[in-house]
PDB file of all heavy atoms in Angstrom:
ATOM      1  N   GLY A   1     133.605 135.120 104.022  1.00  0.00           N
ATOM      2  CA  GLY A   1     133.177 133.793 104.422  1.00  0.00           C
ATOM      3  C   GLY A   1     132.471 133.819 105.750  1.00  0.00           C
ATOM      4  O   GLY A   1     132.144 134.887 106.282  1.00  0.00           O
ATOM      5  N   LEU A   2     132.251 132.622 106.276  1.00  0.00           N
ATOM      6  CA  LEU A   2     131.615 132.457 107.578  1.00  0.00           C
ATOM      7  C   LEU A   2     132.696 132.200 108.623  1.00  0.00           C
ATOM      8  O   LEU A   2     133.546 131.315 108.428  1.00  0.00           O
ATOM      9  CB  LEU A   2     130.639 131.283 107.529  1.00  0.00           C
ATOM     10  CG  LEU A   2     130.017 130.852 108.852  1.00  0.00           C
ATOM     11  CD1 LEU A   2     129.148 131.965 109.425  1.00  0.00           C
ATOM     12  CD2 LEU A   2     129.206 129.578 108.657  1.00  0.00           C
ATOM     13  N   VAL A   3     132.671 132.954 109.701  1.00  0.00           N
ATOM     14  CA  VAL A   3     133.684 132.818 110.740  1.00  0.00           C
ATOM     15  C   VAL A   3     133.014 132.981 112.097  1.00  0.00           C
ATOM     16  O   VAL A   3     132.019 133.707 112.224  1.00  0.00           O
ATOM     17  CB  VAL A   3     134.806 133.859 110.525  1.00  0.00           C
ATOM     18  CG1 VAL A   3     134.289 135.271 110.654  1.00  0.00           C
ATOM     19  CG2 VAL A   3     135.974 133.612 111.456  1.00  0.00           C
ATOM     20  N   GLN A   4     133.567 132.320 113.093  1.00  0.00           N
ATOM     21  CA  GLN A   4     133.031 132.432 114.439  1.00  0.00           C
ATOM     22  C   GLN A   4     133.469 133.745 115.087  1.00  0.00           C
ATOM     23  O   GLN A   4     134.512 134.303 114.713  1.00  0.00           O
ATOM     24  CB  GLN A   4     133.497 131.256 115.293  1.00  0.00           C
ATOM     25  CG  GLN A   4     132.905 129.923 114.868  1.00  0.00           C
ATOM     26  CD  GLN A   4     133.271 128.807 115.827  1.00  0.00           C
ATOM     27  OE1 GLN A   4     134.209 128.913 116.611  1.00  0.00           O
ATOM     28  NE2 GLN A   4     132.519 127.719 115.781  1.00  0.00           N
ATOM     29  N   PRO A   5     132.716 134.232 116.052  1.00  0.00           N
ATOM     30  CA  PRO A   5     133.148 135.429 116.782  1.00  0.00           C
ATOM     31  C   PRO A   5     134.558 135.237 117.343  1.00  0.00           C
ATOM     32  O   PRO A   5     134.891 134.165 117.861  1.00  0.00           O
ATOM     33  CB  PRO A   5     132.111 135.547 117.896  1.00  0.00           C
ATOM     34  CG  PRO A   5     130.885 134.915 117.328  1.00  0.00           C
ATOM     35  CD  PRO A   5     131.384 133.769 116.486  1.00  0.00           C
ATOM     36  N   GLY A   6     135.370 136.258 117.209  1.00  0.00           N
ATOM     37  CA  GLY A   6     136.756 136.191 117.634  1.00  0.00           C
ATOM     38  C   GLY A   6     137.708 135.733 116.550  1.00  0.00           C
ATOM     39  O   GLY A   6     138.933 135.799 116.729  1.00  0.00           O
ATOM     40  N   GLY A   7     137.170 135.281 115.439  1.00  0.00           N
ATOM     41  CA  GLY A   7     137.989 134.792 114.342  1.00  0.00           C
ATOM     42  C   GLY A   7     138.536 135.899 113.466  1.00  0.00           C
ATOM     43  O   GLY A   7     138.336 137.093 113.725  1.00  0.00           O
ATOM     44  N   SER A   8     139.229 135.478 112.407  1.00  0.00           N
ATOM     45  CA  SER A   8     139.886 136.423 111.501  1.00  0.00           C
ATOM     46  C   SER A   8     139.582 136.086 110.053  1.00  0.00           C
ATOM     47  O   SER A   8     139.322 134.928 109.713  1.00  0.00           O
ATOM     48  CB  SER A   8     141.406 136.378 111.703  1.00  0.00           C
ATOM     49  OG  SER A   8     141.766 136.756 113.015  1.00  0.00           O
ATOM     50  N   LEU A   9     139.633 137.105 109.232  1.00  0.00           N
ATOM     51  CA  LEU A   9     139.531 136.960 107.780  1.00  0.00           C
ATOM     52  C   LEU A   9     140.411 138.016 107.134  1.00  0.00           C
ATOM     53  O   LEU A   9     140.636 139.085 107.714  1.00  0.00           O
ATOM     54  CB  LEU A   9     138.092 137.156 107.285  1.00  0.00           C
ATOM     55  CG  LEU A   9     137.083 136.027 107.482  1.00  0.00           C
ATOM     56  CD1 LEU A   9     135.702 136.494 107.062  1.00  0.00           C
ATOM     57  CD2 LEU A   9     137.480 134.796 106.688  1.00  0.00           C
ATOM     58  N   ARG A  10     140.866 137.727 105.934  1.00  0.00           N
ATOM     59  CA  ARG A  10     141.622 138.702 105.152  1.00  0.00           C
ATOM     60  C   ARG A  10     140.929 138.904 103.820  1.00  0.00           C
ATOM     61  O   ARG A  10     140.826 137.958 103.030  1.00  0.00           O
ATOM     62  CB  ARG A  10     143.056 138.234 104.913  1.00  0.00           C
ATOM     63  CG  ARG A  10     143.954 139.308 104.302  1.00  0.00           C
ATOM     64  CD  ARG A  10     145.232 138.720 103.786  1.00  0.00           C
ATOM     65  NE  ARG A  10     146.240 139.739 103.499  1.00  0.00           N
ATOM     66  CZ  ARG A  10     147.225 139.568 102.613  1.00  0.00           C
ATOM     67  NH1 ARG A  10     147.351 138.428 101.973  1.00  0.00           N
ATOM     68  NH2 ARG A  10     148.113 140.538 102.420  1.00  0.00           N
ATOM     69  N   LEU A  11     140.471 140.097 103.590  1.00  0.00           N
ATOM     70  CA  LEU A  11     139.804 140.432 102.347  1.00  0.00           C
ATOM     71  C   LEU A  11     140.808 141.029 101.359  1.00  0.00           C
ATOM     72  O   LEU A  11     141.768 141.695 101.761  1.00  0.00           O
ATOM     73  CB  LEU A  11     138.681 141.445 102.585  1.00  0.00           C
ATOM     74  CG  LEU A  11     137.647 141.077 103.637  1.00  0.00           C
ATOM     75  CD1 LEU A  11     136.558 142.156 103.683  1.00  0.00           C
ATOM     76  CD2 LEU A  11     137.051 139.715 103.391  1.00  0.00           C
ATOM     77  N   SER A  12     140.547 140.801 100.082  1.00  0.00           N
ATOM     78  CA  SER A  12     141.370 141.370  99.016  1.00  0.00           C
ATOM     79  C   SER A  12     140.474 142.086  98.022  1.00  0.00           C
ATOM     80  O   SER A  12     139.332 141.684  97.791  1.00  0.00           O
ATOM     81  CB  SER A  12     142.153 140.277  98.282  1.00  0.00           C
ATOM     82  OG  SER A  12     143.021 139.590  99.151  1.00  0.00           O
ATOM     83  N   CYS A  13     141.010 143.121  97.426  1.00  0.00           N
ATOM     84  CA  CYS A  13     140.307 143.846  96.372  1.00  0.00           C
ATOM     85  C   CYS A  13     141.316 144.176  95.288  1.00  0.00           C
ATOM     86  O   CYS A  13     142.279 144.908  95.547  1.00  0.00           O
ATOM     87  CB  CYS A  13     139.682 145.111  96.923  1.00  0.00           C
ATOM     88  SG  CYS A  13     139.020 146.220  95.659  1.00  0.00           S
ATOM     89  N   THR A  14     141.080 143.648  94.117  1.00  0.00           N
ATOM     90  CA  THR A  14     141.981 143.885  92.998  1.00  0.00           C
ATOM     91  C   THR A  14     141.304 144.791  91.982  1.00  0.00           C
ATOM     92  O   THR A  14     140.146 144.587  91.625  1.00  0.00           O
ATOM     93  CB  THR A  14     142.391 142.565  92.335  1.00  0.00           C
ATOM     94  OG1 THR A  14     143.064 141.756  93.304  1.00  0.00           O
ATOM     95  CG2 THR A  14     143.346 142.817  91.174  1.00  0.00           C
ATOM     96  N   ALA A  15     142.049 145.801  91.555  1.00  0.00           N
ATOM     97  CA  ALA A  15     141.515 146.766  90.599  1.00  0.00           C
ATOM     98  C   ALA A  15     142.240 146.644  89.262  1.00  0.00           C
ATOM     99  O   ALA A  15     143.453 146.453  89.225  1.00  0.00           O
ATOM    100  CB  ALA A  15     141.700 148.184  91.139  1.00  0.00           C
ATOM    101  N   SER A  16     141.486 146.730  88.204  1.00  0.00           N
ATOM    102  CA  SER A  16     142.096 146.781  86.881  1.00  0.00           C
ATOM    103  C   SER A  16     142.489 148.228  86.597  1.00  0.00           C
ATOM    104  O   SER A  16     141.869 149.155  87.121  1.00  0.00           O
ATOM    105  CB  SER A  16     141.112 146.298  85.818  1.00  0.00           C
ATOM    106  OG  SER A  16     139.983 147.150  85.778  1.00  0.00           O
ATOM    107  N   GLY A  17     143.536 148.446  85.851  1.00  0.00           N
ATOM    108  CA  GLY A  17     143.883 149.813  85.503  1.00  0.00           C
ATOM    109  C   GLY A  17     144.989 150.394  86.356  1.00  0.00           C
ATOM    110  O   GLY A  17     145.091 150.102  87.542  1.00  0.00           O
ATOM    111  N   SER A  18     145.806 151.228  85.776  1.00  0.00           N
ATOM    112  CA  SER A  18     146.987 151.763  86.445  1.00  0.00           C
ATOM    113  C   SER A  18     146.684 152.945  87.346  1.00  0.00           C
ATOM    114  O   SER A  18     147.559 153.406  88.052  1.00  0.00           O
ATOM    115  CB  SER A  18     148.024 152.187  85.409  1.00  0.00           C
ATOM    116  OG  SER A  18     147.456 153.172  84.552  1.00  0.00           O
ATOM    117  N   ILE A  19     145.460 153.434  87.363  1.00  0.00           N
ATOM    118  CA  ILE A  19     145.135 154.589  88.174  1.00  0.00           C
ATOM    119  C   ILE A  19     145.144 154.244  89.659  1.00  0.00           C
ATOM    120  O   ILE A  19     145.189 155.108  90.511  1.00  0.00           O
ATOM    121  CB  ILE A  19     143.756 155.151  87.767  1.00  0.00           C
ATOM    122  CG1 ILE A  19     143.570 156.559  88.306  1.00  0.00           C
ATOM    123  CG2 ILE A  19     142.641 154.240  88.231  1.00  0.00           C
ATOM    124  CD1 ILE A  19     142.323 157.245  87.785  1.00  0.00           C
ATOM    125  N   PHE A  20     145.137 152.969  89.967  1.00  0.00           N
ATOM    126  CA  PHE A  20     145.031 152.514  91.348  1.00  0.00           C
ATOM    127  C   PHE A  20     146.109 153.108  92.239  1.00  0.00           C
ATOM    128  O   PHE A  20     145.849 153.541  93.343  1.00  0.00           O
ATOM    129  CB  PHE A  20     145.089 150.986  91.372  1.00  0.00           C
ATOM    130  CG  PHE A  20     145.126 150.396  92.748  1.00  0.00           C
ATOM    131  CD1 PHE A  20     143.960 150.150  93.443  1.00  0.00           C
ATOM    132  CD2 PHE A  20     146.340 150.077  93.343  1.00  0.00           C
ATOM    133  CE1 PHE A  20     143.995 149.601  94.718  1.00  0.00           C
ATOM    134  CE2 PHE A  20     146.385 149.529  94.612  1.00  0.00           C
ATOM    135  CZ  PHE A  20     145.215 149.286  95.298  1.00  0.00           C
ATOM    136  N   SER A  21     147.356 153.128  91.780  1.00  0.00           N
ATOM    137  CA  SER A  21     148.486 153.455  92.648  1.00  0.00           C
ATOM    138  C   SER A  21     148.407 154.875  93.208  1.00  0.00           C
ATOM    139  O   SER A  21     148.923 155.142  94.282  1.00  0.00           O
ATOM    140  CB  SER A  21     149.807 153.265  91.903  1.00  0.00           C
ATOM    141  OG  SER A  21     149.855 154.137  90.791  1.00  0.00           O
ATOM    142  N   GLY A  22     147.770 155.804  92.519  1.00  0.00           N
ATOM    143  CA  GLY A  22     147.681 157.177  92.990  1.00  0.00           C
ATOM    144  C   GLY A  22     146.400 157.499  93.723  1.00  0.00           C
ATOM    145  O   GLY A  22     146.176 158.650  94.123  1.00  0.00           O
ATOM    146  N   SER A  23     145.585 156.499  93.948  1.00  0.00           N
ATOM    147  CA  SER A  23     144.267 156.708  94.531  1.00  0.00           C
ATOM    148  C   SER A  23     144.252 156.397  96.021  1.00  0.00           C
ATOM    149  O   SER A  23     144.921 155.464  96.465  1.00  0.00           O
ATOM    150  CB  SER A  23     143.231 155.825  93.829  1.00  0.00           C
ATOM    151  OG  SER A  23     143.156 156.115  92.453  1.00  0.00           O
ATOM    152  N   VAL A  24     143.466 157.166  96.758  1.00  0.00           N
ATOM    153  CA  VAL A  24     143.157 156.798  98.138  1.00  0.00           C
ATOM    154  C   VAL A  24     142.055 155.735  98.063  1.00  0.00           C
ATOM    155  O   VAL A  24     140.983 155.996  97.527  1.00  0.00           O
ATOM    156  CB  VAL A  24     142.677 158.000  98.963  1.00  0.00           C
ATOM    157  CG1 VAL A  24     142.339 157.570 100.386  1.00  0.00           C
ATOM    158  CG2 VAL A  24     143.729 159.102  98.966  1.00  0.00           C
ATOM    159  N   MET A  25     142.351 154.568  98.590  1.00  0.00           N
ATOM    160  CA  MET A  25     141.403 153.447  98.498  1.00  0.00           C
ATOM    161  C   MET A  25     140.801 153.160  99.864  1.00  0.00           C
ATOM    162  O   MET A  25     141.455 153.316 100.902  1.00  0.00           O
ATOM    163  CB  MET A  25     142.102 152.205  97.977  1.00  0.00           C
ATOM    164  CG  MET A  25     142.618 152.345  96.555  1.00  0.00           C
ATOM    165  SD  MET A  25     141.296 152.614  95.356  1.00  0.00           S
ATOM    166  CE  MET A  25     140.377 151.071  95.480  1.00  0.00           C
ATOM    167  N   GLY A  26     139.557 152.732  99.839  1.00  0.00           N
ATOM    168  CA  GLY A  26     138.876 152.448 101.088  1.00  0.00           C
ATOM    169  C   GLY A  26     138.085 151.162 101.045  1.00  0.00           C
ATOM    170  O   GLY A  26     137.773 150.641  99.967  1.00  0.00           O
ATOM    171  N   TRP A  27     137.811 150.656 102.216  1.00  0.00           N
ATOM    172  CA  TRP A  27     136.890 149.537 102.388  1.00  0.00           C
ATOM    173  C   TRP A  27     135.599 150.088 103.001  1.00  0.00           C
ATOM    174  O   TRP A  27     135.638 150.953 103.887  1.00  0.00           O
ATOM    175  CB  TRP A  27     137.473 148.462 103.288  1.00  0.00           C
ATOM    176  CG  TRP A  27     138.453 147.573 102.602  1.00  0.00           C
ATOM    177  CD1 TRP A  27     139.815 147.677 102.611  1.00  0.00           C
ATOM    178  CD2 TRP A  27     138.148 146.423 101.803  1.00  0.00           C
ATOM    179  NE1 TRP A  27     140.373 146.670 101.866  1.00  0.00           N
ATOM    180  CE2 TRP A  27     139.369 145.888 101.355  1.00  0.00           C
ATOM    181  CE3 TRP A  27     136.963 145.797 101.419  1.00  0.00           C
ATOM    182  CZ2 TRP A  27     139.441 144.753 100.539  1.00  0.00           C
ATOM    183  CZ3 TRP A  27     137.029 144.671 100.615  1.00  0.00           C
ATOM    184  CH2 TRP A  27     138.256 144.161 100.188  1.00  0.00           C
ATOM    185  N   TYR A  28     134.491 149.558 102.518  1.00  0.00           N
ATOM    186  CA  TYR A  28     133.176 149.921 103.007  1.00  0.00           C
ATOM    187  C   TYR A  28     132.419 148.630 103.321  1.00  0.00           C
ATOM    188  O   TYR A  28     132.811 147.559 102.860  1.00  0.00           O
ATOM    189  CB  TYR A  28     132.398 150.699 101.927  1.00  0.00           C
ATOM    190  CG  TYR A  28     133.072 151.956 101.466  1.00  0.00           C
ATOM    191  CD1 TYR A  28     134.121 151.932 100.554  1.00  0.00           C
ATOM    192  CD2 TYR A  28     132.640 153.202 101.927  1.00  0.00           C
ATOM    193  CE1 TYR A  28     134.735 153.093 100.122  1.00  0.00           C
ATOM    194  CE2 TYR A  28     133.247 154.373 101.502  1.00  0.00           C
ATOM    195  CZ  TYR A  28     134.287 154.305 100.599  1.00  0.00           C
ATOM    196  OH  TYR A  28     134.891 155.470 100.171  1.00  0.00           O
ATOM    197  N   ARG A  29     131.338 148.762 104.051  1.00  0.00           N
ATOM    198  CA  ARG A  29     130.502 147.586 104.295  1.00  0.00           C
ATOM    199  C   ARG A  29     129.032 147.996 104.374  1.00  0.00           C
ATOM    200  O   ARG A  29     128.716 149.136 104.709  1.00  0.00           O
ATOM    201  CB  ARG A  29     130.917 146.856 105.570  1.00  0.00           C
ATOM    202  CG  ARG A  29     130.697 147.639 106.861  1.00  0.00           C
ATOM    203  CD  ARG A  29     131.300 146.867 108.032  1.00  0.00           C
ATOM    204  NE  ARG A  29     131.101 147.566 109.300  1.00  0.00           N
ATOM    205  CZ  ARG A  29     131.643 147.173 110.455  1.00  0.00           C
ATOM    206  NH1 ARG A  29     132.418 146.095 110.488  1.00  0.00           N
ATOM    207  NH2 ARG A  29     131.400 147.857 111.561  1.00  0.00           N
ATOM    208  N   GLN A  30     128.194 147.038 104.038  1.00  0.00           N
ATOM    209  CA  GLN A  30     126.755 147.273 104.088  1.00  0.00           C
ATOM    210  C   GLN A  30     126.083 146.077 104.720  1.00  0.00           C
ATOM    211  O   GLN A  30     126.120 144.970 104.166  1.00  0.00           O
ATOM    212  CB  GLN A  30     126.192 147.535 102.693  1.00  0.00           C
ATOM    213  CG  GLN A  30     124.734 147.938 102.702  1.00  0.00           C
ATOM    214  CD  GLN A  30     124.276 148.495 101.377  1.00  0.00           C
ATOM    215  OE1 GLN A  30     124.912 148.299 100.336  1.00  0.00           O
ATOM    216  NE2 GLN A  30     123.168 149.227 101.380  1.00  0.00           N
ATOM    217  N   ALA A  31     125.510 146.296 105.882  1.00  0.00           N
ATOM    218  CA  ALA A  31     124.769 145.249 106.584  1.00  0.00           C
ATOM    219  C   ALA A  31     123.322 145.256 106.093  1.00  0.00           C
ATOM    220  O   ALA A  31     122.838 146.268 105.581  1.00  0.00           O
ATOM    221  CB  ALA A  31     124.830 145.487 108.081  1.00  0.00           C
ATOM    222  N   PRO A  32     122.621 144.139 106.259  1.00  0.00           N
ATOM    223  CA  PRO A  32     121.226 144.067 105.808  1.00  0.00           C
ATOM    224  C   PRO A  32     120.379 145.180 106.416  1.00  0.00           C
ATOM    225  O   PRO A  32     120.410 145.407 107.630  1.00  0.00           O
ATOM    226  CB  PRO A  32     120.776 142.695 106.297  1.00  0.00           C
ATOM    227  CG  PRO A  32     122.031 141.897 106.376  1.00  0.00           C
ATOM    228  CD  PRO A  32     123.087 142.861 106.809  1.00  0.00           C
ATOM    229  N   GLY A  33     119.660 145.893 105.568  1.00  0.00           N
ATOM    230  CA  GLY A  33     118.769 146.941 106.033  1.00  0.00           C
ATOM    231  C   GLY A  33     119.456 148.232 106.443  1.00  0.00           C
ATOM    232  O   GLY A  33     118.803 149.144 106.957  1.00  0.00           O
ATOM    233  N   LYS A  34     120.764 148.318 106.223  1.00  0.00           N
ATOM    234  CA  LYS A  34     121.510 149.519 106.612  1.00  0.00           C
ATOM    235  C   LYS A  34     122.203 150.134 105.412  1.00  0.00           C
ATOM    236  O   LYS A  34     122.388 149.493 104.388  1.00  0.00           O
ATOM    237  CB  LYS A  34     122.532 149.182 107.694  1.00  0.00           C
ATOM    238  CG  LYS A  34     121.920 148.713 109.004  1.00  0.00           C
ATOM    239  CD  LYS A  34     122.976 148.566 110.073  1.00  0.00           C
ATOM    240  CE  LYS A  34     122.358 148.179 111.405  1.00  0.00           C
ATOM    241  NZ  LYS A  34     123.396 148.053 112.469  1.00  0.00           N
ATOM    242  N   GLN A  35     122.584 151.396 105.571  1.00  0.00           N
ATOM    243  CA  GLN A  35     123.321 152.067 104.515  1.00  0.00           C
ATOM    244  C   GLN A  35     124.770 151.610 104.495  1.00  0.00           C
ATOM    245  O   GLN A  35     125.311 151.147 105.511  1.00  0.00           O
ATOM    246  CB  GLN A  35     123.261 153.581 104.731  1.00  0.00           C
ATOM    247  CG  GLN A  35     121.895 154.192 104.465  1.00  0.00           C
ATOM    248  CD  GLN A  35     121.936 155.707 104.459  1.00  0.00           C
ATOM    249  OE1 GLN A  35     122.758 156.304 105.147  1.00  0.00           O
ATOM    250  NE2 GLN A  35     121.054 156.323 103.689  1.00  0.00           N
TER     251      GLN A  35
END
């Protein structure tokens, strides 16, 4: 969402499938024009 500087957000990611529990999971981000 949209938040002011200094604010907070909580992101969630839900995966289908039972393989999730044994996996190393990560968060990534991509800004405009960047990798």
